[in-house]
């Protein structure tokens, strides 16, 4: 019998995995940092602001949007992108809780 993911891992572990996967590429981290620094929604082509091609940026925006970390709203011919404040806060809280749960013994030797 094979157990489903929701039976093997608790909700917090599953949420961490989804959000950490969204951070698992430097381009996505760069996009999040850019959106955080601008502190506003960006309309148009974000690739003009980053050293990445348009197709690459669009693929990574899709991953970030699927994880809920950014919001995209179509306005006319443009899409406005901005951070999702609630989801970013959730990610920060989950990461903090996760790293606090890992007790590190600096004297441990493998």
PDB file of N, CA and C in Angstrom:
ATOM      1  N   UNK A   1       0.841  -1.180   0.000  1.00  0.00           N
ATOM      2  CA  UNK A   1       0.000   0.000   0.000  1.00  0.00           C
ATOM      3  C   UNK A   1       0.887   1.245   0.000  1.00  0.00           C
ATOM      4  N   UNK A   2       0.623   2.140  -0.915  1.00  0.00           N
ATOM      5  CA  UNK A   2       1.377   3.386  -1.024  1.00  0.00           C
ATOM      6  C   UNK A   2       0.570   4.494  -0.351  1.00  0.00           C
ATOM      7  N   UNK A   3       1.236   5.211   0.551  1.00  0.00           N
ATOM      8  CA  UNK A   3       0.575   6.313   1.242  1.00  0.00           C
ATOM      9  C   UNK A   3       0.678   7.592   0.428  1.00  0.00           C
ATOM     10  N   UNK A   4      -0.370   8.382   0.489  1.00  0.00           N
ATOM     11  CA  UNK A   4      -0.378   9.663  -0.207  1.00  0.00           C
ATOM     12  C   UNK A   4       0.466  10.667   0.558  1.00  0.00           C
ATOM     13  N   UNK A   5       0.895  11.689  -0.161  1.00  0.00           N
ATOM     14  CA  UNK A   5       1.744  12.725   0.432  1.00  0.00           C
ATOM     15  C   UNK A   5       1.113  13.323   1.679  1.00  0.00           C
ATOM     16  N   UNK A   6      -0.199  13.581   1.635  1.00  0.00           N
ATOM     17  CA  UNK A   6      -0.852  14.202   2.789  1.00  0.00           C
ATOM     18  C   UNK A   6      -0.915  13.273   3.995  1.00  0.00           C
ATOM     19  N   UNK A   7      -0.688  11.979   3.777  1.00  0.00           N
ATOM     20  CA  UNK A   7      -0.657  11.027   4.889  1.00  0.00           C
ATOM     21  C   UNK A   7       0.749  10.880   5.477  1.00  0.00           C
ATOM     22  N   UNK A   8       1.749  11.164   4.677  1.00  0.00           N
ATOM     23  CA  UNK A   8       3.139  11.005   5.108  1.00  0.00           C
ATOM     24  C   UNK A   8       3.711  12.241   5.797  1.00  0.00           C
ATOM     25  N   UNK A   9       3.237  13.420   5.386  1.00  0.00           N
ATOM     26  CA  UNK A   9       3.824  14.661   5.869  1.00  0.00           C
ATOM     27  C   UNK A   9       2.736  15.578   6.401  1.00  0.00           C
ATOM     28  N   UNK A  10       3.074  16.311   7.462  1.00  0.00           N
ATOM     29  CA  UNK A  10       2.061  17.214   8.017  1.00  0.00           C
ATOM     30  C   UNK A  10       1.904  18.441   7.126  1.00  0.00           C
ATOM     31  N   UNK A  11       0.872  19.216   7.421  1.00  0.00           N
ATOM     32  CA  UNK A  11       0.533  20.376   6.589  1.00  0.00           C
ATOM     33  C   UNK A  11       1.682  21.374   6.519  1.00  0.00           C
ATOM     34  N   UNK A  12       2.341  21.621   7.637  1.00  0.00           N
ATOM     35  CA  UNK A  12       3.434  22.593   7.657  1.00  0.00           C
ATOM     36  C   UNK A  12       4.594  22.120   6.789  1.00  0.00           C
ATOM     37  N   UNK A  13       4.919  20.841   6.836  1.00  0.00           N
ATOM     38  CA  UNK A  13       5.998  20.304   6.004  1.00  0.00           C
ATOM     39  C   UNK A  13       5.653  20.447   4.518  1.00  0.00           C
ATOM     40  N   UNK A  14       4.405  20.191   4.176  1.00  0.00           N
ATOM     41  CA  UNK A  14       3.981  20.314   2.782  1.00  0.00           C
ATOM     42  C   UNK A  14       4.011  21.774   2.323  1.00  0.00           C
ATOM     43  N   UNK A  15       3.583  22.698   3.190  1.00  0.00           N
ATOM     44  CA  UNK A  15       3.616  24.115   2.836  1.00  0.00           C
ATOM     45  C   UNK A  15       5.053  24.590   2.656  1.00  0.00           C
ATOM     46  N   UNK A  16       5.944  24.183   3.554  1.00  0.00           N
ATOM     47  CA  UNK A  16       7.359  24.545   3.422  1.00  0.00           C
ATOM     48  C   UNK A  16       7.920  24.051   2.092  1.00  0.00           C
ATOM     49  N   UNK A  17       7.597  22.818   1.734  1.00  0.00           N
ATOM     50  CA  UNK A  17       8.130  22.240   0.500  1.00  0.00           C
ATOM     51  C   UNK A  17       7.679  23.037  -0.721  1.00  0.00           C
ATOM     52  N   UNK A  18       6.416  23.422  -0.769  1.00  0.00           N
ATOM     53  CA  UNK A  18       5.897  24.192  -1.913  1.00  0.00           C
ATOM     54  C   UNK A  18       6.600  25.541  -2.000  1.00  0.00           C
ATOM     55  N   UNK A  19       6.690  26.232  -0.867  1.00  0.00           N
ATOM     56  CA  UNK A  19       7.287  27.567  -0.880  1.00  0.00           C
ATOM     57  C   UNK A  19       8.795  27.511  -1.101  1.00  0.00           C
ATOM     58  N   UNK A  20       9.477  26.545  -0.480  1.00  0.00           N
ATOM     59  CA  UNK A  20      10.921  26.439  -0.680  1.00  0.00           C
ATOM     60  C   UNK A  20      11.243  26.042  -2.121  1.00  0.00           C
ATOM     61  N   UNK A  21      10.392  25.226  -2.729  1.00  0.00           N
ATOM     62  CA  UNK A  21      10.595  24.866  -4.135  1.00  0.00           C
ATOM     63  C   UNK A  21      10.504  26.115  -5.013  1.00  0.00           C
ATOM     64  N   UNK A  22       9.585  27.007  -4.672  1.00  0.00           N
ATOM     65  CA  UNK A  22       9.444  28.244  -5.440  1.00  0.00           C
ATOM     66  C   UNK A  22      10.690  29.106  -5.326  1.00  0.00           C
ATOM     67  N   UNK A  23      11.448  28.944  -4.251  1.00  0.00           N
ATOM     68  CA  UNK A  23      12.682  29.711  -4.052  1.00  0.00           C
ATOM     69  C   UNK A  23      13.913  28.982  -4.588  1.00  0.00           C
ATOM     70  N   UNK A  24      13.717  27.822  -5.168  1.00  0.00           N
ATOM     71  CA  UNK A  24      14.830  26.954  -5.534  1.00  0.00           C
ATOM     72  C   UNK A  24      15.543  27.344  -6.826  1.00  0.00           C
ATOM     73  N   UNK A  25      15.323  28.542  -7.306  1.00  0.00           N
ATOM     74  CA  UNK A  25      16.042  29.003  -8.490  1.00  0.00           C
ATOM     75  C   UNK A  25      16.462  30.452  -8.265  1.00  0.00           C
ATOM     76  N   UNK A  26      17.720  30.785  -8.571  1.00  0.00           N
ATOM     77  CA  UNK A  26      18.190  32.150  -8.343  1.00  0.00           C
ATOM     78  C   UNK A  26      17.381  33.211  -9.099  1.00  0.00           C
ATOM     79  N   UNK A  27      16.844  32.865 -10.257  1.00  0.00           N
ATOM     80  CA  UNK A  27      16.042  33.845 -11.005  1.00  0.00           C
ATOM     81  C   UNK A  27      14.787  34.211 -10.229  1.00  0.00           C
ATOM     82  N   UNK A  28      14.167  33.237  -9.555  1.00  0.00           N
ATOM     83  CA  UNK A  28      12.952  33.518  -8.787  1.00  0.00           C
ATOM     84  C   UNK A  28      13.272  34.379  -7.573  1.00  0.00           C
ATOM     85  N   UNK A  29      14.405  34.122  -6.965  1.00  0.00           N
ATOM     86  CA  UNK A  29      14.825  34.945  -5.828  1.00  0.00           C
ATOM     87  C   UNK A  29      15.066  36.371  -6.305  1.00  0.00           C
ATOM     88  N   UNK A  30      15.699  36.514  -7.466  1.00  0.00           N
ATOM     89  CA  UNK A  30      15.958  37.843  -8.018  1.00  0.00           C
ATOM     90  C   UNK A  30      14.649  38.572  -8.333  1.00  0.00           C
ATOM     91  N   UNK A  31      13.678  37.864  -8.873  1.00  0.00           N
ATOM     92  CA  UNK A  31      12.388  38.477  -9.178  1.00  0.00           C
ATOM     93  C   UNK A  31      11.694  38.924  -7.892  1.00  0.00           C
ATOM     94  N   UNK A  32      11.697  38.084  -6.864  1.00  0.00           N
ATOM     95  CA  UNK A  32      11.079  38.459  -5.590  1.00  0.00           C
ATOM     96  C   UNK A  32      11.768  39.675  -4.983  1.00  0.00           C
ATOM     97  N   UNK A  33      13.094  39.685  -5.021  1.00  0.00           N
ATOM     98  CA  UNK A  33      13.832  40.832  -4.486  1.00  0.00           C
ATOM     99  C   UNK A  33      13.499  42.103  -5.259  1.00  0.00           C
ATOM    100  N   UNK A  34      13.420  41.994  -6.576  1.00  0.00           N
ATOM    101  CA  UNK A  34      13.096  43.147  -7.412  1.00  0.00           C
ATOM    102  C   UNK A  34      11.709  43.688  -7.065  1.00  0.00           C
ATOM    103  N   UNK A  35      10.724  42.796  -6.965  1.00  0.00           N
ATOM    104  CA  UNK A  35       9.367  43.236  -6.629  1.00  0.00           C
ATOM    105  C   UNK A  35       9.311  43.838  -5.226  1.00  0.00           C
ATOM    106  N   UNK A  36      10.086  43.278  -4.297  1.00  0.00           N
ATOM    107  CA  UNK A  36      10.115  43.814  -2.933  1.00  0.00           C
ATOM    108  C   UNK A  36      10.756  45.196  -2.906  1.00  0.00           C
ATOM    109  N   UNK A  37      11.809  45.383  -3.683  1.00  0.00           N
ATOM    110  CA  UNK A  37      12.506  46.674  -3.710  1.00  0.00           C
ATOM    111  C   UNK A  37      11.674  47.769  -4.358  1.00  0.00           C
ATOM    112  N   UNK A  38      10.871  47.418  -5.355  1.00  0.00           N
ATOM    113  CA  UNK A  38      10.074  48.433  -6.043  1.00  0.00           C
ATOM    114  C   UNK A  38       8.878  48.876  -5.207  1.00  0.00           C
ATOM    115  N   UNK A  39       8.455  48.006  -4.284  1.00  0.00           N
ATOM    116  CA  UNK A  39       7.348  48.301  -3.362  1.00  0.00           C
ATOM    117  C   UNK A  39       6.083  48.772  -4.080  1.00  0.00           C
ATOM    118  N   UNK A  40       5.895  48.302  -5.303  1.00  0.00           N
ATOM    119  CA  UNK A  40       4.695  48.636  -6.066  1.00  0.00           C
ATOM    120  C   UNK A  40       4.461  47.527  -7.080  1.00  0.00           C
ATOM    121  N   UNK A  41       3.315  47.543  -7.700  1.00  0.00           N
ATOM    122  CA  UNK A  41       3.056  46.584  -8.768  1.00  0.00           C
ATOM    123  C   UNK A  41       3.776  47.039 -10.035  1.00  0.00           C
ATOM    124  N   UNK A  42       4.326  46.099 -10.736  1.00  0.00           N
ATOM    125  CA  UNK A  42       5.064  46.377 -11.966  1.00  0.00           C
ATOM    126  C   UNK A  42       4.195  45.960 -13.134  1.00  0.00           C
ATOM    127  N   UNK A  43       3.979  46.866 -14.046  1.00  0.00           N
ATOM    128  CA  UNK A  43       3.223  46.484 -15.230  1.00  0.00           C
ATOM    129  C   UNK A  43       4.189  46.390 -16.398  1.00  0.00           C
ATOM    130  N   UNK A  44       3.865  45.524 -17.297  1.00  0.00           N
ATOM    131  CA  UNK A  44       4.708  45.391 -18.478  1.00  0.00           C
ATOM    132  C   UNK A  44       5.739  44.299 -18.320  1.00  0.00           C
ATOM    133  N   UNK A  45       6.832  44.468 -19.000  1.00  0.00           N
ATOM    134  CA  UNK A  45       7.856  43.449 -19.138  1.00  0.00           C
ATOM    135  C   UNK A  45       8.918  43.581 -18.046  1.00  0.00           C
ATOM    136  N   UNK A  46       8.877  42.707 -17.053  1.00  0.00           N
ATOM    137  CA  UNK A  46       9.854  42.727 -15.959  1.00  0.00           C
ATOM    138  C   UNK A  46      11.255  42.394 -16.477  1.00  0.00           C
ATOM    139  N   UNK A  47      11.338  41.659 -17.581  1.00  0.00           N
ATOM    140  CA  UNK A  47      12.657  41.264 -18.103  1.00  0.00           C
ATOM    141  C   UNK A  47      13.491  42.472 -18.529  1.00  0.00           C
ATOM    142  N   UNK A  48      12.848  43.624 -18.737  1.00  0.00           N
ATOM    143  CA  UNK A  48      13.622  44.836 -19.055  1.00  0.00           C
ATOM    144  C   UNK A  48      14.399  45.319 -17.840  1.00  0.00           C
ATOM    145  N   UNK A  49      13.964  44.930 -16.657  1.00  0.00           N
ATOM    146  CA  UNK A  49      14.591  45.370 -15.413  1.00  0.00           C
ATOM    147  C   UNK A  49      15.597  44.366 -14.864  1.00  0.00           C
ATOM    148  N   UNK A  50      15.584  43.149 -15.386  1.00  0.00           N
ATOM    149  CA  UNK A  50      16.446  42.078 -14.882  1.00  0.00           C
ATOM    150  C   UNK A  50      17.314  41.529 -16.006  1.00  0.00           C
ATOM    151  N   UNK A  51      18.468  40.964 -15.664  1.00  0.00           N
ATOM    152  CA  UNK A  51      19.351  40.414 -16.704  1.00  0.00           C
ATOM    153  C   UNK A  51      18.908  39.012 -17.150  1.00  0.00           C
ATOM    154  N   UNK A  52      17.608  38.890 -17.446  1.00  0.00           N
ATOM    155  CA  UNK A  52      17.045  37.603 -17.853  1.00  0.00           C
ATOM    156  C   UNK A  52      16.176  37.822 -19.085  1.00  0.00           C
ATOM    157  N   UNK A  53      16.077  36.809 -19.923  1.00  0.00           N
ATOM    158  CA  UNK A  53      15.228  36.900 -21.096  1.00  0.00           C
ATOM    159  C   UNK A  53      13.752  36.876 -20.731  1.00  0.00           C
ATOM    160  N   UNK A  54      12.943  37.399 -21.625  1.00  0.00           N
ATOM    161  CA  UNK A  54      11.500  37.502 -21.377  1.00  0.00           C
ATOM    162  C   UNK A  54      10.861  36.143 -21.113  1.00  0.00           C
ATOM    163  N   UNK A  55      11.194  35.146 -21.925  1.00  0.00           N
ATOM    164  CA  UNK A  55      10.624  33.808 -21.745  1.00  0.00           C
ATOM    165  C   UNK A  55      11.013  33.230 -20.397  1.00  0.00           C
ATOM    166  N   UNK A  56      12.269  33.408 -20.018  1.00  0.00           N
ATOM    167  CA  UNK A  56      12.748  32.922 -18.721  1.00  0.00           C
ATOM    168  C   UNK A  56      11.998  33.593 -17.588  1.00  0.00           C
ATOM    169  N   UNK A  57      11.865  34.898 -17.655  1.00  0.00           N
ATOM    170  CA  UNK A  57      11.140  35.637 -16.611  1.00  0.00           C
ATOM    171  C   UNK A  57       9.704  35.147 -16.525  1.00  0.00           C
ATOM    172  N   UNK A  58       9.050  34.981 -17.669  1.00  0.00           N
ATOM    173  CA  UNK A  58       7.662  34.534 -17.665  1.00  0.00           C
ATOM    174  C   UNK A  58       7.488  33.157 -17.043  1.00  0.00           C
ATOM    175  N   UNK A  59       8.425  32.248 -17.311  1.00  0.00           N
ATOM    176  CA  UNK A  59       8.365  30.906 -16.712  1.00  0.00           C
ATOM    177  C   UNK A  59       8.493  30.989 -15.192  1.00  0.00           C
ATOM    178  N   UNK A  60       9.403  31.832 -14.729  1.00  0.00           N
ATOM    179  CA  UNK A  60       9.614  31.953 -13.288  1.00  0.00           C
ATOM    180  C   UNK A  60       8.473  32.711 -12.609  1.00  0.00           C
ATOM    181  N   UNK A  61       7.900  33.691 -13.293  1.00  0.00           N
ATOM    182  CA  UNK A  61       6.722  34.381 -12.754  1.00  0.00           C
ATOM    183  C   UNK A  61       5.582  33.387 -12.556  1.00  0.00           C
ATOM    184  N   UNK A  62       5.431  32.478 -13.501  1.00  0.00           N
ATOM    185  CA  UNK A  62       4.375  31.463 -13.391  1.00  0.00           C
ATOM    186  C   UNK A  62       4.587  30.593 -12.153  1.00  0.00           C
ATOM    187  N   UNK A  63       5.821  30.173 -11.913  1.00  0.00           N
ATOM    188  CA  UNK A  63       6.120  29.349 -10.726  1.00  0.00           C
ATOM    189  C   UNK A  63       5.839  30.117  -9.438  1.00  0.00           C
ATOM    190  N   UNK A  64       6.246  31.368  -9.405  1.00  0.00           N
ATOM    191  CA  UNK A  64       6.018  32.197  -8.207  1.00  0.00           C
ATOM    192  C   UNK A  64       4.531  32.445  -7.994  1.00  0.00           C
ATOM    193  N   UNK A  65       3.812  32.630  -9.082  1.00  0.00           N
ATOM    194  CA  UNK A  65       2.367  32.844  -8.986  1.00  0.00           C
ATOM    195  C   UNK A  65       1.670  31.564  -8.524  1.00  0.00           C
ATOM    196  N   UNK A  66       2.083  30.419  -9.049  1.00  0.00           N
ATOM    197  CA  UNK A  66       1.498  29.136  -8.633  1.00  0.00           C
ATOM    198  C   UNK A  66       1.712  28.870  -7.149  1.00  0.00           C
ATOM    199  N   UNK A  67       2.839  29.329  -6.611  1.00  0.00           N
ATOM    200  CA  UNK A  67       3.125  29.168  -5.181  1.00  0.00           C
ATOM    201  C   UNK A  67       2.387  30.213  -4.357  1.00  0.00           C
ATOM    202  N   UNK A  68       1.807  31.203  -5.022  1.00  0.00           N
ATOM    203  CA  UNK A  68       1.054  32.241  -4.320  1.00  0.00           C
ATOM    204  C   UNK A  68       1.899  33.395  -3.826  1.00  0.00           C
ATOM    205  N   UNK A  69       3.200  33.397  -4.149  1.00  0.00           N
ATOM    206  CA  UNK A  69       4.098  34.439  -3.640  1.00  0.00           C
ATOM    207  C   UNK A  69       3.932  35.773  -4.355  1.00  0.00           C
ATOM    208  N   UNK A  70       3.433  35.736  -5.582  1.00  0.00           N
ATOM    209  CA  UNK A  70       3.169  36.978  -6.303  1.00  0.00           C
ATOM    210  C   UNK A  70       1.743  36.940  -6.832  1.00  0.00           C
ATOM    211  N   UNK A  71       1.259  38.113  -7.144  1.00  0.00           N
ATOM    212  CA  UNK A  71      -0.055  38.257  -7.752  1.00  0.00           C
ATOM    213  C   UNK A  71       0.136  38.885  -9.114  1.00  0.00           C
ATOM    214  N   UNK A  72      -0.645  38.467 -10.068  1.00  0.00           N
ATOM    215  CA  UNK A  72      -0.599  39.064 -11.395  1.00  0.00           C
ATOM    216  C   UNK A  72      -2.009  39.396 -11.835  1.00  0.00           C
ATOM    217  N   UNK A  73      -2.195  40.622 -12.252  1.00  0.00           N
ATOM    218  CA  UNK A  73      -3.507  41.084 -12.693  1.00  0.00           C
ATOM    219  C   UNK A  73      -3.372  41.657 -14.095  1.00  0.00           C
ATOM    220  N   UNK A  74      -4.189  41.177 -15.016  1.00  0.00           N
ATOM    221  CA  UNK A  74      -4.153  41.679 -16.387  1.00  0.00           C
ATOM    222  C   UNK A  74      -4.931  42.983 -16.447  1.00  0.00           C
ATOM    223  N   UNK A  75      -4.257  44.015 -16.968  1.00  0.00           N
ATOM    224  CA  UNK A  75      -4.869  45.322 -17.168  1.00  0.00           C
ATOM    225  C   UNK A  75      -4.581  45.743 -18.602  1.00  0.00           C
ATOM    226  N   UNK A  76      -5.569  45.611 -19.454  1.00  0.00           N
ATOM    227  CA  UNK A  76      -5.349  45.925 -20.865  1.00  0.00           C
ATOM    228  C   UNK A  76      -4.355  44.958 -21.470  1.00  0.00           C
ATOM    229  N   UNK A  77      -3.306  45.499 -22.081  1.00  0.00           N
ATOM    230  CA  UNK A  77      -2.288  44.664 -22.715  1.00  0.00           C
ATOM    231  C   UNK A  77      -1.192  44.245 -21.737  1.00  0.00           C
ATOM    232  N   UNK A  78      -1.205  44.793 -20.530  1.00  0.00           N
ATOM    233  CA  UNK A  78      -0.147  44.509 -19.560  1.00  0.00           C
ATOM    234  C   UNK A  78      -0.656  43.649 -18.410  1.00  0.00           C
ATOM    235  N   UNK A  79       0.284  43.014 -17.751  1.00  0.00           N
ATOM    236  CA  UNK A  79      -0.005  42.298 -16.509  1.00  0.00           C
ATOM    237  C   UNK A  79       0.743  43.012 -15.400  1.00  0.00           C
ATOM    238  N   UNK A  80       0.050  43.332 -14.337  1.00  0.00           N
ATOM    239  CA  UNK A  80       0.665  43.970 -13.168  1.00  0.00           C
ATOM    240  C   UNK A  80       1.065  42.879 -12.187  1.00  0.00           C
ATOM    241  N   UNK A  81       2.335  42.894 -11.792  1.00  0.00           N
ATOM    242  CA  UNK A  81       2.843  41.907 -10.843  1.00  0.00           C
ATOM    243  C   UNK A  81       3.271  42.598  -9.561  1.00  0.00           C
ATOM    244  N   UNK A  82       2.945  41.963  -8.438  1.00  0.00           N
ATOM    245  CA  UNK A  82       3.422  42.455  -7.153  1.00  0.00           C
ATOM    246  C   UNK A  82       3.479  41.280  -6.186  1.00  0.00           C
ATOM    247  N   UNK A  83       4.162  41.494  -5.089  1.00  0.00           N
ATOM    248  CA  UNK A  83       4.239  40.469  -4.057  1.00  0.00           C
ATOM    249  C   UNK A  83       2.873  40.261  -3.441  1.00  0.00           C
ATOM    250  N   UNK A  84       2.651  39.057  -2.947  1.00  0.00           N
ATOM    251  CA  UNK A  84       1.453  38.749  -2.173  1.00  0.00           C
ATOM    252  C   UNK A  84       1.859  38.851  -0.706  1.00  0.00           C
ATOM    253  N   UNK A  85       1.571  39.993  -0.054  1.00  0.00           N
ATOM    254  CA  UNK A  85       2.066  40.217   1.309  1.00  0.00           C
ATOM    255  C   UNK A  85       1.718  39.103   2.297  1.00  0.00           C
ATOM    256  N   UNK A  86       0.506  38.600   2.241  1.00  0.00           N
ATOM    257  CA  UNK A  86       0.096  37.552   3.187  1.00  0.00           C
ATOM    258  C   UNK A  86       0.902  36.273   2.972  1.00  0.00           C
ATOM    259  N   UNK A  87       1.132  35.911   1.706  1.00  0.00           N
ATOM    260  CA  UNK A  87       1.868  34.677   1.414  1.00  0.00           C
ATOM    261  C   UNK A  87       3.351  34.831   1.745  1.00  0.00           C
ATOM    262  N   UNK A  88       3.916  36.008   1.507  1.00  0.00           N
ATOM    263  CA  UNK A  88       5.321  36.247   1.857  1.00  0.00           C
ATOM    264  C   UNK A  88       5.492  36.168   3.369  1.00  0.00           C
ATOM    265  N   UNK A  89       4.545  36.731   4.115  1.00  0.00           N
ATOM    266  CA  UNK A  89       4.601  36.646   5.575  1.00  0.00           C
ATOM    267  C   UNK A  89       4.482  35.191   6.025  1.00  0.00           C
ATOM    268  N   UNK A  90       3.570  34.456   5.400  1.00  0.00           N
ATOM    269  CA  UNK A  90       3.412  33.036   5.729  1.00  0.00           C
ATOM    270  C   UNK A  90       4.720  32.285   5.477  1.00  0.00           C
ATOM    271  N   UNK A  91       5.367  32.585   4.344  1.00  0.00           N
ATOM    272  CA  UNK A  91       6.628  31.921   4.018  1.00  0.00           C
ATOM    273  C   UNK A  91       7.697  32.255   5.059  1.00  0.00           C
ATOM    274  N   UNK A  92       7.773  33.520   5.442  1.00  0.00           N
ATOM    275  CA  UNK A  92       8.763  33.925   6.444  1.00  0.00           C
ATOM    276  C   UNK A  92       8.507  33.217   7.772  1.00  0.00           C
ATOM    277  N   UNK A  93       7.245  33.143   8.177  1.00  0.00           N
ATOM    278  CA  UNK A  93       6.893  32.472   9.428  1.00  0.00           C
ATOM    279  C   UNK A  93       7.203  30.974   9.364  1.00  0.00           C
ATOM    280  N   UNK A  94       6.866  30.338   8.241  1.00  0.00           N
ATOM    281  CA  UNK A  94       7.152  28.908   8.079  1.00  0.00           C
ATOM    282  C   UNK A  94       8.658  28.642   8.099  1.00  0.00           C
ATOM    283  N   UNK A  95       9.414  29.483   7.404  1.00  0.00           N
ATOM    284  CA  UNK A  95      10.869  29.295   7.363  1.00  0.00           C
ATOM    285  C   UNK A  95      11.468  29.465   8.754  1.00  0.00           C
ATOM    286  N   UNK A  96      11.020  30.492   9.465  1.00  0.00           N
ATOM    287  CA  UNK A  96      11.523  30.722  10.818  1.00  0.00           C
ATOM    288  C   UNK A  96      11.208  29.531  11.723  1.00  0.00           C
ATOM    289  N   UNK A  97       9.983  29.046  11.652  1.00  0.00           N
ATOM    290  CA  UNK A  97       9.575  27.903  12.464  1.00  0.00           C
ATOM    291  C   UNK A  97      10.368  26.655  12.083  1.00  0.00           C
ATOM    292  N   UNK A  98      10.569  26.458  10.795  1.00  0.00           N
ATOM    293  CA  UNK A  98      11.318  25.299  10.318  1.00  0.00           C
ATOM    294  C   UNK A  98      12.751  25.320  10.837  1.00  0.00           C
ATOM    295  N   UNK A  99      13.428  26.447  10.672  1.00  0.00           N
ATOM    296  CA  UNK A  99      14.826  26.521  11.085  1.00  0.00           C
ATOM    297  C   UNK A  99      14.982  26.493  12.605  1.00  0.00           C
ATOM    298  N   UNK A 100      14.005  27.010  13.318  1.00  0.00           N
ATOM    299  CA  UNK A 100      14.047  26.915  14.782  1.00  0.00           C
ATOM    300  C   UNK A 100      13.871  25.479  15.250  1.00  0.00           C
ATOM    301  N   UNK A 101      13.168  24.661  14.462  1.00  0.00           N
ATOM    302  CA  UNK A 101      12.922  23.273  14.850  1.00  0.00           C
ATOM    303  C   UNK A 101      14.141  22.381  14.636  1.00  0.00           C
ATOM    304  N   UNK A 102      15.104  22.878  13.895  1.00  0.00           N
ATOM    305  CA  UNK A 102      16.318  22.094  13.649  1.00  0.00           C
ATOM    306  C   UNK A 102      17.346  22.481  14.700  1.00  0.00           C
ATOM    307  N   UNK A 103      17.543  21.580  15.632  1.00  0.00           N
ATOM    308  CA  UNK A 103      18.486  21.830  16.716  1.00  0.00           C
ATOM    309  C   UNK A 103      19.880  21.424  16.243  1.00  0.00           C
ATOM    310  N   UNK A 104      20.769  22.393  16.177  1.00  0.00           N
ATOM    311  CA  UNK A 104      22.121  22.137  15.679  1.00  0.00           C
ATOM    312  C   UNK A 104      23.089  22.022  16.848  1.00  0.00           C
ATOM    313  N   UNK A 105      23.805  20.924  16.864  1.00  0.00           N
ATOM    314  CA  UNK A 105      24.869  20.744  17.839  1.00  0.00           C
ATOM    315  C   UNK A 105      26.170  21.006  17.103  1.00  0.00           C
ATOM    316  N   UNK A 106      26.795  22.146  17.403  1.00  0.00           N
ATOM    317  CA  UNK A 106      28.005  22.536  16.682  1.00  0.00           C
ATOM    318  C   UNK A 106      29.180  21.602  16.951  1.00  0.00           C
ATOM    319  N   UNK A 107      29.056  20.778  17.985  1.00  0.00           N
ATOM    320  CA  UNK A 107      30.122  19.825  18.305  1.00  0.00           C
ATOM    321  C   UNK A 107      29.899  18.478  17.647  1.00  0.00           C
ATOM    322  N   UNK A 108      28.796  18.329  16.915  1.00  0.00           N
ATOM    323  CA  UNK A 108      28.490  17.063  16.287  1.00  0.00           C
ATOM    324  C   UNK A 108      29.500  16.772  15.178  1.00  0.00           C
ATOM    325  N   UNK A 109      29.981  15.556  15.150  1.00  0.00           N
ATOM    326  CA  UNK A 109      30.963  15.142  14.155  1.00  0.00           C
ATOM    327  C   UNK A 109      30.376  13.951  13.403  1.00  0.00           C
ATOM    328  N   UNK A 110      30.485  13.991  12.093  1.00  0.00           N
ATOM    329  CA  UNK A 110      30.007  12.866  11.281  1.00  0.00           C
ATOM    330  C   UNK A 110      31.160  11.987  10.893  1.00  0.00           C
TER     331      UNK A 110
END
